[in-house]
Amino acid sequence: MNAAEHRELIRHVMEDGFNAKDLSVVYDSFHTDYKRHGHGVPSMGSLEEHVADLKSRQAAFDEARFEIQWILGDESGMSVFYIFKGRHRQTGREVSRPSAAFFTVRNGKISEGHVFADGAGFAAEVEEAGSI
């Protein structure tokens, strides 16, 4: 796969998979031994843990979505800057969290990810919403 195909893979996973609530796209686009290294957010040791995390976001937030700002990369990997947005089900508050992810692509599928996000700040934003 070339860089353009890798960019499309990342867009496909985020928009056609997570945003469209079709997690079969995630299963089809990631290696089964996928690892996510979290920086400010939890790490995930397997594809199953990663999918469970995505499902928990969809359960906690109405209109949960990743808004891609840009994707850059080459034949071996991609970086994406995106904003997670949604409406917290318990509080009704709209929330957003900018994040960056760096993915390694092997044989046409995502094999590893490094996700950087302010998980503590995001949790505080959601918690603060509950006290309003």
Protein backbone atom coordinates (compact mmCIF):
# COMPACT_ATOMS: atom_id res chain seq x y z
CA MET A 1 0.00 0.00 0.00
CA ASN A 2 1.17 3.53 -0.71
CA ALA A 3 0.75 6.63 1.46
CA ALA A 4 -2.58 7.62 -0.15
CA GLU A 5 -4.00 4.15 0.55
CA HIS A 6 -2.81 4.36 4.14
CA ARG A 7 -4.50 7.76 4.58
CA GLU A 8 -7.70 6.24 3.23
CA LEU A 9 -7.35 3.33 5.67
CA ILE A 10 -7.19 5.71 8.64
CA ARG A 11 -10.11 7.80 7.33
CA HIS A 12 -12.11 4.60 6.71
CA VAL A 13 -11.54 3.31 10.26
CA MET A 14 -12.44 6.60 11.93
CA GLU A 15 -15.37 7.73 9.77
CA ASP A 16 -16.86 4.55 8.27
CA GLY A 17 -16.05 2.48 11.35
CA PHE A 18 -16.30 4.45 14.61
CA ASN A 19 -18.47 7.36 13.44
CA ALA A 20 -20.88 5.09 11.57
CA LYS A 21 -20.92 2.63 14.51
CA ASP A 22 -19.74 -0.19 12.23
CA LEU A 23 -17.01 -1.80 14.29
CA SER A 24 -16.64 -4.59 11.73
CA VAL A 25 -14.55 -2.00 9.86
CA VAL A 26 -12.17 -1.92 12.84
CA TYR A 27 -11.91 -5.72 12.92
CA ASP A 28 -11.21 -5.77 9.17
CA SER A 29 -8.63 -2.95 9.30
CA PHE A 30 -6.51 -3.88 12.33
CA HIS A 31 -4.23 -6.86 12.95
CA THR A 32 -5.52 -9.17 15.67
CA ASP A 33 -2.32 -8.55 17.66
CA TYR A 34 -2.83 -4.76 17.57
CA LYS A 35 -1.40 -2.84 20.53
CA ARG A 36 -2.33 0.71 21.52
CA HIS A 37 0.18 2.64 23.58
CA GLY A 38 -1.67 5.32 25.49
CA HIS A 39 -0.08 8.61 26.47
CA GLY A 40 -2.56 10.41 28.72
CA VAL A 41 -5.12 7.71 27.93
CA PRO A 42 -5.12 3.97 28.69
CA SER A 43 -3.03 1.54 26.67
CA MET A 44 -4.73 -1.47 25.12
CA GLY A 45 -3.00 -4.83 24.85
CA SER A 46 -5.16 -6.33 22.14
CA LEU A 47 -7.62 -5.58 19.38
CA GLU A 48 -10.45 -6.84 21.60
CA GLU A 49 -9.53 -4.33 24.34
CA HIS A 50 -9.37 -1.56 21.73
CA VAL A 51 -12.83 -2.43 20.38
CA ALA A 52 -14.23 -2.60 23.92
CA ASP A 53 -12.86 0.91 24.54
CA LEU A 54 -14.52 2.20 21.36
CA LYS A 55 -17.81 0.60 22.38
CA SER A 56 -17.61 2.21 25.83
CA ARG A 57 -17.20 5.65 24.20
CA GLN A 58 -20.20 5.04 22.00
CA ALA A 59 -22.20 3.96 25.06
CA ALA A 60 -21.21 7.01 27.15
CA PHE A 61 -21.64 9.67 24.45
CA ASP A 62 -24.48 10.35 22.07
CA GLU A 63 -23.28 11.49 18.67
CA ALA A 64 -19.77 10.22 19.49
CA ARG A 65 -17.47 10.94 16.56
CA PHE A 66 -13.92 11.55 15.49
CA GLU A 67 -13.50 14.74 13.46
CA ILE A 68 -10.32 14.38 11.44
CA GLN A 69 -8.34 17.59 11.14
CA TRP A 70 -5.48 16.17 9.08
CA ILE A 71 -3.69 12.93 8.21
CA LEU A 72 0.00 12.71 7.25
CA GLY A 73 2.24 9.77 6.57
CA ASP A 74 4.13 7.51 4.26
CA GLU A 75 4.25 3.84 3.28
CA SER A 76 5.01 2.62 6.82
CA GLY A 77 2.79 4.75 9.03
CA MET A 78 0.31 7.55 9.49
CA SER A 79 -0.25 10.36 11.94
CA VAL A 80 -3.68 11.86 12.46
CA PHE A 81 -4.81 14.90 14.41
CA TYR A 82 -8.48 14.61 15.33
CA ILE A 83 -11.07 15.86 17.78
CA PHE A 84 -13.31 13.46 19.66
CA LYS A 85 -16.75 15.03 20.10
CA GLY A 86 -19.99 13.87 21.64
CA ARG A 87 -22.77 14.63 24.07
CA HIS A 88 -22.28 13.00 27.45
CA ARG A 89 -25.38 10.87 28.11
CA GLN A 90 -25.48 11.45 31.87
CA THR A 91 -25.11 15.23 31.77
CA GLY A 92 -26.21 16.18 28.26
CA ARG A 93 -23.10 18.32 27.93
CA GLU A 94 -21.26 18.62 24.62
CA VAL A 95 -17.61 17.70 25.04
CA SER A 96 -14.57 17.63 22.79
CA ARG A 97 -10.99 16.44 23.12
CA PRO A 98 -8.19 17.07 20.63
CA SER A 99 -5.92 14.07 20.17
CA ALA A 100 -3.10 12.83 17.99
CA ALA A 101 -2.44 9.25 16.98
CA PHE A 102 0.49 7.64 15.21
CA PHE A 103 -0.22 4.32 13.51
CA THR A 104 2.08 1.69 12.08
CA VAL A 105 0.65 -0.08 9.05
CA ARG A 106 1.82 -3.58 8.14
CA ASN A 107 0.53 -5.57 5.16
CA GLY A 108 -2.41 -3.22 4.66
CA LYS A 109 -3.66 -3.26 8.26
CA ILE A 110 -2.96 -1.19 11.37
CA SER A 111 -0.59 -3.07 13.66
CA GLU A 112 0.29 -0.56 16.38
CA GLY A 113 -0.83 2.82 17.63
CA HIS A 114 0.44 5.58 19.89
CA VAL A 115 -2.39 7.84 21.07
CA PHE A 116 -1.69 11.16 22.78
CA ALA A 117 -4.60 12.88 24.53
CA ASP A 118 -5.41 14.80 27.68
CA GLY A 119 -7.45 12.06 29.32
CA ALA A 120 -7.38 13.70 32.77
CA GLY A 121 -8.54 17.05 31.39
CA PHE A 122 -11.28 15.33 29.43
CA ALA A 123 -12.47 13.42 32.52
CA ALA A 124 -12.50 16.68 34.49
CA GLU A 125 -14.56 18.33 31.75
CA VAL A 126 -17.13 15.51 31.89
CA GLU A 127 -17.13 15.52 35.71
CA GLU A 128 -17.55 19.31 35.80
CA ALA A 129 -20.50 18.95 33.48
CA GLY A 130 -22.16 16.75 36.08
CA SER A 131 -21.85 19.42 38.76
CA ILE A 132 -23.51 22.18 36.74
